[in-house]
């Protein structure tokens, strides 16, 4: 099985850089939000190999300079913002992004309403205002 983009980027780094990145991500595993950040990095597919290695090198350099891990990640990501793969207009899907289930989205809307809506109420509103269903558009 071929290496993922993340595994390949790690393999291209100096051992001390790889160790710093891996130790930080391991330390983040008990925290749900930070664990998600680590997983997002591991699942990255849009950065070219050299940019991915550059991002991880900068992350490790920021850690070595004394930045907190969260700030080091933010600095590295901001330096590589909008450097992902470009999709030609002819191949770009109508909907681009990560999919989120209706129930999860309704729960997010309910949470954002700060108690004004329940998840069930949010789901009903989302369905009411979402326009025609996929089946109706086909």
C-alpha atoms as a PDB file:
ATOM      1  CA  UNK A   1       0.000   0.000   0.000  1.00  0.00           C
ATOM      2  CA  UNK A   2       1.431   3.422  -0.929  1.00  0.00           C
ATOM      3  CA  UNK A   3       2.193   5.969   1.772  1.00  0.00           C
ATOM      4  CA  UNK A   4      -0.377   8.682   2.452  1.00  0.00           C
ATOM      5  CA  UNK A   5       0.633  12.271   1.732  1.00  0.00           C
ATOM      6  CA  UNK A   6       1.200  12.771   5.467  1.00  0.00           C
ATOM      7  CA  UNK A   7       3.340   9.642   5.798  1.00  0.00           C
ATOM      8  CA  UNK A   8       5.357  10.666   2.753  1.00  0.00           C
ATOM      9  CA  UNK A   9       5.871  14.178   4.127  1.00  0.00           C
ATOM     10  CA  UNK A  10       7.040  12.737   7.453  1.00  0.00           C
ATOM     11  CA  UNK A  11       9.416  10.375   5.648  1.00  0.00           C
ATOM     12  CA  UNK A  12      10.987  13.365   3.870  1.00  0.00           C
ATOM     13  CA  UNK A  13      11.751  15.203   7.124  1.00  0.00           C
ATOM     14  CA  UNK A  14      14.788  15.007   9.373  1.00  0.00           C
ATOM     15  CA  UNK A  15      14.244  12.527  12.232  1.00  0.00           C
ATOM     16  CA  UNK A  16      14.139  15.238  14.922  1.00  0.00           C
ATOM     17  CA  UNK A  17      11.449  17.128  12.985  1.00  0.00           C
ATOM     18  CA  UNK A  18       9.401  13.960  12.500  1.00  0.00           C
ATOM     19  CA  UNK A  19       9.718  13.196  16.214  1.00  0.00           C
ATOM     20  CA  UNK A  20       8.590  16.714  17.223  1.00  0.00           C
ATOM     21  CA  UNK A  21       5.519  16.527  14.974  1.00  0.00           C
ATOM     22  CA  UNK A  22       4.556  13.027  16.093  1.00  0.00           C
ATOM     23  CA  UNK A  23       5.076  13.783  19.804  1.00  0.00           C
ATOM     24  CA  UNK A  24       2.888  16.869  19.564  1.00  0.00           C
ATOM     25  CA  UNK A  25       0.098  15.039  17.773  1.00  0.00           C
ATOM     26  CA  UNK A  26       0.291  12.172  20.280  1.00  0.00           C
ATOM     27  CA  UNK A  27       0.084  14.668  23.152  1.00  0.00           C
ATOM     28  CA  UNK A  28      -3.039  16.139  21.545  1.00  0.00           C
ATOM     29  CA  UNK A  29      -4.879  12.806  21.352  1.00  0.00           C
ATOM     30  CA  UNK A  30      -6.782  13.127  24.692  1.00  0.00           C
ATOM     31  CA  UNK A  31      -8.283  16.483  23.655  1.00  0.00           C
ATOM     32  CA  UNK A  32     -11.141  15.995  21.159  1.00  0.00           C
ATOM     33  CA  UNK A  33     -10.568  19.267  19.270  1.00  0.00           C
ATOM     34  CA  UNK A  34      -6.804  18.919  19.059  1.00  0.00           C
ATOM     35  CA  UNK A  35      -7.106  15.239  18.147  1.00  0.00           C
ATOM     36  CA  UNK A  36      -9.337  16.335  15.240  1.00  0.00           C
ATOM     37  CA  UNK A  37      -6.633  18.785  14.124  1.00  0.00           C
ATOM     38  CA  UNK A  38      -4.070  15.964  14.164  1.00  0.00           C
ATOM     39  CA  UNK A  39      -6.410  13.743  12.162  1.00  0.00           C
ATOM     40  CA  UNK A  40      -7.064  16.523   9.645  1.00  0.00           C
ATOM     41  CA  UNK A  41      -3.325  16.854   9.066  1.00  0.00           C
ATOM     42  CA  UNK A  42      -2.974  13.093   8.648  1.00  0.00           C
ATOM     43  CA  UNK A  43      -5.901  13.087   6.189  1.00  0.00           C
ATOM     44  CA  UNK A  44      -4.612  16.057   4.129  1.00  0.00           C
ATOM     45  CA  UNK A  45      -4.681  15.453   0.384  1.00  0.00           C
ATOM     46  CA  UNK A  46      -4.599  18.903  -1.227  1.00  0.00           C
ATOM     47  CA  UNK A  47      -1.023  20.000  -0.535  1.00  0.00           C
ATOM     48  CA  UNK A  48       1.739  19.030  -2.915  1.00  0.00           C
ATOM     49  CA  UNK A  49       4.457  16.913  -1.286  1.00  0.00           C
ATOM     50  CA  UNK A  50       6.987  19.750  -1.072  1.00  0.00           C
ATOM     51  CA  UNK A  51       4.444  22.110   0.492  1.00  0.00           C
ATOM     52  CA  UNK A  52       3.333  19.459   2.984  1.00  0.00           C
ATOM     53  CA  UNK A  53       6.954  18.907   4.039  1.00  0.00           C
ATOM     54  CA  UNK A  54       7.394  22.687   4.256  1.00  0.00           C
ATOM     55  CA  UNK A  55       4.332  23.009   6.502  1.00  0.00           C
ATOM     56  CA  UNK A  56       5.556  20.279   8.862  1.00  0.00           C
ATOM     57  CA  UNK A  57       9.086  21.734   8.917  1.00  0.00           C
ATOM     58  CA  UNK A  58       7.722  25.163   9.831  1.00  0.00           C
ATOM     59  CA  UNK A  59       5.486  23.623  12.500  1.00  0.00           C
ATOM     60  CA  UNK A  60       8.501  21.899  14.076  1.00  0.00           C
ATOM     61  CA  UNK A  61      10.638  25.051  13.782  1.00  0.00           C
ATOM     62  CA  UNK A  62       7.967  27.073  15.575  1.00  0.00           C
ATOM     63  CA  UNK A  63       7.806  24.422  18.310  1.00  0.00           C
ATOM     64  CA  UNK A  64      11.607  24.567  18.666  1.00  0.00           C
ATOM     65  CA  UNK A  65      11.453  28.374  18.924  1.00  0.00           C
ATOM     66  CA  UNK A  66       9.233  28.068  21.985  1.00  0.00           C
ATOM     67  CA  UNK A  67       5.810  28.718  20.487  1.00  0.00           C
ATOM     68  CA  UNK A  68       2.991  26.746  22.040  1.00  0.00           C
ATOM     69  CA  UNK A  69       1.959  23.775  19.888  1.00  0.00           C
ATOM     70  CA  UNK A  70      -1.388  25.386  19.033  1.00  0.00           C
ATOM     71  CA  UNK A  71       0.285  28.657  18.008  1.00  0.00           C
ATOM     72  CA  UNK A  72       2.967  26.748  16.067  1.00  0.00           C
ATOM     73  CA  UNK A  73       0.258  24.927  14.102  1.00  0.00           C
ATOM     74  CA  UNK A  74      -1.581  28.185  13.446  1.00  0.00           C
ATOM     75  CA  UNK A  75       1.610  29.887  12.205  1.00  0.00           C
ATOM     76  CA  UNK A  76       2.499  26.980   9.904  1.00  0.00           C
ATOM     77  CA  UNK A  77      -1.017  26.703   8.491  1.00  0.00           C
ATOM     78  CA  UNK A  78      -1.355  30.424   7.879  1.00  0.00           C
ATOM     79  CA  UNK A  79       1.966  30.439   6.030  1.00  0.00           C
ATOM     80  CA  UNK A  80       0.593  27.746   3.719  1.00  0.00           C
ATOM     81  CA  UNK A  81      -2.932  29.143   3.348  1.00  0.00           C
ATOM     82  CA  UNK A  82      -4.450  28.829  -0.122  1.00  0.00           C
ATOM     83  CA  UNK A  83      -1.587  26.709  -1.415  1.00  0.00           C
ATOM     84  CA  UNK A  84      -3.648  23.586  -1.963  1.00  0.00           C
ATOM     85  CA  UNK A  85      -4.301  21.861  -5.244  1.00  0.00           C
ATOM     86  CA  UNK A  86      -6.064  23.912  -7.892  1.00  0.00           C
ATOM     87  CA  UNK A  87      -9.055  22.246  -9.535  1.00  0.00           C
ATOM     88  CA  UNK A  88      -9.723  23.194 -13.170  1.00  0.00           C
ATOM     89  CA  UNK A  89     -13.189  24.728 -13.578  1.00  0.00           C
ATOM     90  CA  UNK A  90     -14.192  21.922 -15.955  1.00  0.00           C
ATOM     91  CA  UNK A  91     -13.499  19.315 -13.243  1.00  0.00           C
ATOM     92  CA  UNK A  92     -14.785  21.225 -10.222  1.00  0.00           C
ATOM     93  CA  UNK A  93     -17.829  19.610  -8.585  1.00  0.00           C
ATOM     94  CA  UNK A  94     -20.984  21.650  -8.086  1.00  0.00           C
ATOM     95  CA  UNK A  95     -20.570  21.277  -4.323  1.00  0.00           C
ATOM     96  CA  UNK A  96     -17.041  21.500  -2.952  1.00  0.00           C
ATOM     97  CA  UNK A  97     -16.187  20.799   0.677  1.00  0.00           C
ATOM     98  CA  UNK A  98     -16.662  18.278   3.403  1.00  0.00           C
ATOM     99  CA  UNK A  99     -20.033  16.623   3.762  1.00  0.00           C
ATOM    100  CA  UNK A 100     -21.900  16.897   7.030  1.00  0.00           C
ATOM    101  CA  UNK A 101     -24.977  14.863   7.859  1.00  0.00           C
ATOM    102  CA  UNK A 102     -28.291  16.595   8.405  1.00  0.00           C
ATOM    103  CA  UNK A 103     -28.543  15.491  12.032  1.00  0.00           C
ATOM    104  CA  UNK A 104     -25.029  16.758  12.784  1.00  0.00           C
ATOM    105  CA  UNK A 105     -25.729  20.051  11.025  1.00  0.00           C
ATOM    106  CA  UNK A 106     -29.026  20.461  12.886  1.00  0.00           C
ATOM    107  CA  UNK A 107     -27.227  19.835  16.183  1.00  0.00           C
ATOM    108  CA  UNK A 108     -24.657  22.507  15.251  1.00  0.00           C
ATOM    109  CA  UNK A 109     -27.401  24.997  14.400  1.00  0.00           C
ATOM    110  CA  UNK A 110     -29.208  24.213  17.665  1.00  0.00           C
ATOM    111  CA  UNK A 111     -26.000  24.690  19.658  1.00  0.00           C
ATOM    112  CA  UNK A 112     -25.313  27.993  17.891  1.00  0.00           C
ATOM    113  CA  UNK A 113     -28.830  29.173  18.773  1.00  0.00           C
ATOM    114  CA  UNK A 114     -27.869  29.032  22.480  1.00  0.00           C
ATOM    115  CA  UNK A 115     -31.049  27.274  23.533  1.00  0.00           C
ATOM    116  CA  UNK A 116     -33.452  29.024  21.188  1.00  0.00           C
ATOM    117  CA  UNK A 117     -33.833  25.878  19.062  1.00  0.00           C
ATOM    118  CA  UNK A 118     -33.740  22.183  19.765  1.00  0.00           C
ATOM    119  CA  UNK A 119     -31.967  19.874  17.317  1.00  0.00           C
ATOM    120  CA  UNK A 120     -35.352  18.683  16.103  1.00  0.00           C
ATOM    121  CA  UNK A 121     -36.575  22.234  15.478  1.00  0.00           C
ATOM    122  CA  UNK A 122     -33.351  23.122  13.705  1.00  0.00           C
ATOM    123  CA  UNK A 123     -33.675  20.034  11.494  1.00  0.00           C
ATOM    124  CA  UNK A 124     -37.237  20.990  10.528  1.00  0.00           C
ATOM    125  CA  UNK A 125     -36.122  24.521   9.640  1.00  0.00           C
ATOM    126  CA  UNK A 126     -33.168  23.247   7.632  1.00  0.00           C
ATOM    127  CA  UNK A 127     -35.436  20.940   5.645  1.00  0.00           C
ATOM    128  CA  UNK A 128     -38.023  23.684   5.158  1.00  0.00           C
ATOM    129  CA  UNK A 129     -35.512  26.223   3.860  1.00  0.00           C
ATOM    130  CA  UNK A 130     -33.068  23.985   1.994  1.00  0.00           C
ATOM    131  CA  UNK A 131     -34.873  24.058  -1.331  1.00  0.00           C
ATOM    132  CA  UNK A 132     -35.805  21.071  -3.474  1.00  0.00           C
ATOM    133  CA  UNK A 133     -34.357  17.708  -2.475  1.00  0.00           C
ATOM    134  CA  UNK A 134     -31.833  15.933  -4.668  1.00  0.00           C
ATOM    135  CA  UNK A 135     -34.552  13.582  -5.923  1.00  0.00           C
ATOM    136  CA  UNK A 136     -36.698  16.558  -6.947  1.00  0.00           C
ATOM    137  CA  UNK A 137     -33.765  18.118  -8.868  1.00  0.00           C
ATOM    138  CA  UNK A 138     -32.980  14.930 -10.820  1.00  0.00           C
END
